[in-house]
Structure formats: structure tokens, C-alpha cells
């Protein structure tokens, strides 16, 4: 089975647009997984981890 790479836009000057893009990437990755396709999405797989890490960094200051 192949691994699909899901490329999606993310960066934007407005945070709500970035949040919408993240959710769209999550939805698309979820649909592909539900259809039996293996998928890697940098946005879906990494943004939540990065944001969580930033929150922890903020708590340490």
C-alpha cells in the first residue's frame, strides 16, 4: 500500500484562517484514512504538537 502525502496551505496573516486550514487538513486526512488510504499530512500531524509545545514553553516563563 502506498502512502499519500497531503499537501495543504497553512500560513496566513490571520489566525482564524490558519485554524480553518488546519481543520480542513484534519478533515481531509480523516476522510482518506476512513477510505483505507494511508496518509501523511504535515499540517494534521504536526500543528497540534507545535501549538501544545508553545503553550508549555509559555508556562515555563
C-alpha atoms as a PDB file:
ATOM      1  CA  UNK A   1       0.000   0.000   0.000  1.00  0.00           C
ATOM      2  CA  UNK A   2       1.252   3.483  -0.797  1.00  0.00           C
ATOM      3  CA  UNK A   3       1.454   6.467   1.493  1.00  0.00           C
ATOM      4  CA  UNK A   4      -0.277   9.614   0.274  1.00  0.00           C
ATOM      5  CA  UNK A   5       1.277  12.991   1.084  1.00  0.00           C
ATOM      6  CA  UNK A   6      -1.464  15.522   1.765  1.00  0.00           C
ATOM      7  CA  UNK A   7      -0.138  18.998   0.959  1.00  0.00           C
ATOM      8  CA  UNK A   8      -2.341  21.814   2.194  1.00  0.00           C
ATOM      9  CA  UNK A   9      -1.867  25.562   2.766  1.00  0.00           C
ATOM     10  CA  UNK A  10      -1.480  26.729   6.336  1.00  0.00           C
ATOM     11  CA  UNK A  11       0.343  30.018   6.962  1.00  0.00           C
ATOM     12  CA  UNK A  12      -1.683  33.204   6.809  1.00  0.00           C
ATOM     13  CA  UNK A  13      -1.606  36.601   8.459  1.00  0.00           C
ATOM     14  CA  UNK A  14      -4.920  35.893  10.221  1.00  0.00           C
ATOM     15  CA  UNK A  15      -5.070  33.204  12.920  1.00  0.00           C
ATOM     16  CA  UNK A  16      -8.704  32.205  12.153  1.00  0.00           C
ATOM     17  CA  UNK A  17      -7.692  31.385   8.564  1.00  0.00           C
ATOM     18  CA  UNK A  18      -4.866  29.204   9.870  1.00  0.00           C
ATOM     19  CA  UNK A  19      -7.291  27.423  12.200  1.00  0.00           C
ATOM     20  CA  UNK A  20      -9.730  26.803   9.314  1.00  0.00           C
ATOM     21  CA  UNK A  21      -6.887  25.437   7.194  1.00  0.00           C
ATOM     22  CA  UNK A  22      -5.778  23.122   9.999  1.00  0.00           C
ATOM     23  CA  UNK A  23      -9.314  21.793  10.413  1.00  0.00           C
ATOM     24  CA  UNK A  24      -9.658  21.275   6.655  1.00  0.00           C
ATOM     25  CA  UNK A  25      -6.401  19.281   6.641  1.00  0.00           C
ATOM     26  CA  UNK A  26      -7.643  17.167   9.550  1.00  0.00           C
ATOM     27  CA  UNK A  27     -10.953  16.522   7.785  1.00  0.00           C
ATOM     28  CA  UNK A  28      -9.259  15.563   4.512  1.00  0.00           C
ATOM     29  CA  UNK A  29      -6.768  13.269   6.253  1.00  0.00           C
ATOM     30  CA  UNK A  30      -9.603  11.661   8.201  1.00  0.00           C
ATOM     31  CA  UNK A  31     -11.611  11.011   5.044  1.00  0.00           C
ATOM     32  CA  UNK A  32      -8.601   9.406   3.367  1.00  0.00           C
ATOM     33  CA  UNK A  33      -7.902   7.224   6.408  1.00  0.00           C
ATOM     34  CA  UNK A  34     -11.569   6.183   6.576  1.00  0.00           C
ATOM     35  CA  UNK A  35     -11.354   5.153   2.926  1.00  0.00           C
ATOM     36  CA  UNK A  36      -8.404   2.891   3.743  1.00  0.00           C
ATOM     37  CA  UNK A  37      -5.681   5.156   2.358  1.00  0.00           C
ATOM     38  CA  UNK A  38      -2.505   5.644   4.368  1.00  0.00           C
ATOM     39  CA  UNK A  39      -1.820   9.370   4.541  1.00  0.00           C
ATOM     40  CA  UNK A  40       0.738  11.784   5.940  1.00  0.00           C
ATOM     41  CA  UNK A  41      -0.311  15.402   6.380  1.00  0.00           C
ATOM     42  CA  UNK A  42       2.328  17.736   7.839  1.00  0.00           C
ATOM     43  CA  UNK A  43      -0.391  20.118   8.997  1.00  0.00           C
ATOM     44  CA  UNK A  44      -2.654  17.473  10.518  1.00  0.00           C
ATOM     45  CA  UNK A  45       0.238  15.593  12.105  1.00  0.00           C
ATOM     46  CA  UNK A  46       2.358  18.476  13.397  1.00  0.00           C
ATOM     47  CA  UNK A  47       0.417  21.670  14.090  1.00  0.00           C
ATOM     48  CA  UNK A  48      -1.292  20.429  17.254  1.00  0.00           C
ATOM     49  CA  UNK A  49       2.041  19.201  18.598  1.00  0.00           C
ATOM     50  CA  UNK A  50       3.735  22.521  17.849  1.00  0.00           C
ATOM     51  CA  UNK A  51       0.919  24.567  19.410  1.00  0.00           C
ATOM     52  CA  UNK A  52       0.927  22.384  22.511  1.00  0.00           C
ATOM     53  CA  UNK A  53       4.678  22.793  22.828  1.00  0.00           C
ATOM     54  CA  UNK A  54       4.353  26.559  22.548  1.00  0.00           C
ATOM     55  CA  UNK A  55       1.797  26.536  25.351  1.00  0.00           C
ATOM     56  CA  UNK A  56       4.166  24.570  27.578  1.00  0.00           C
ATOM     57  CA  UNK A  57       7.009  26.938  26.752  1.00  0.00           C
ATOM     58  CA  UNK A  58       4.796  29.852  27.730  1.00  0.00           C
ATOM     59  CA  UNK A  59       4.032  28.249  31.078  1.00  0.00           C
ATOM     60  CA  UNK A  60       7.739  27.905  31.881  1.00  0.00           C
ATOM     61  CA  UNK A  61       8.462  31.619  31.565  1.00  0.00           C
END
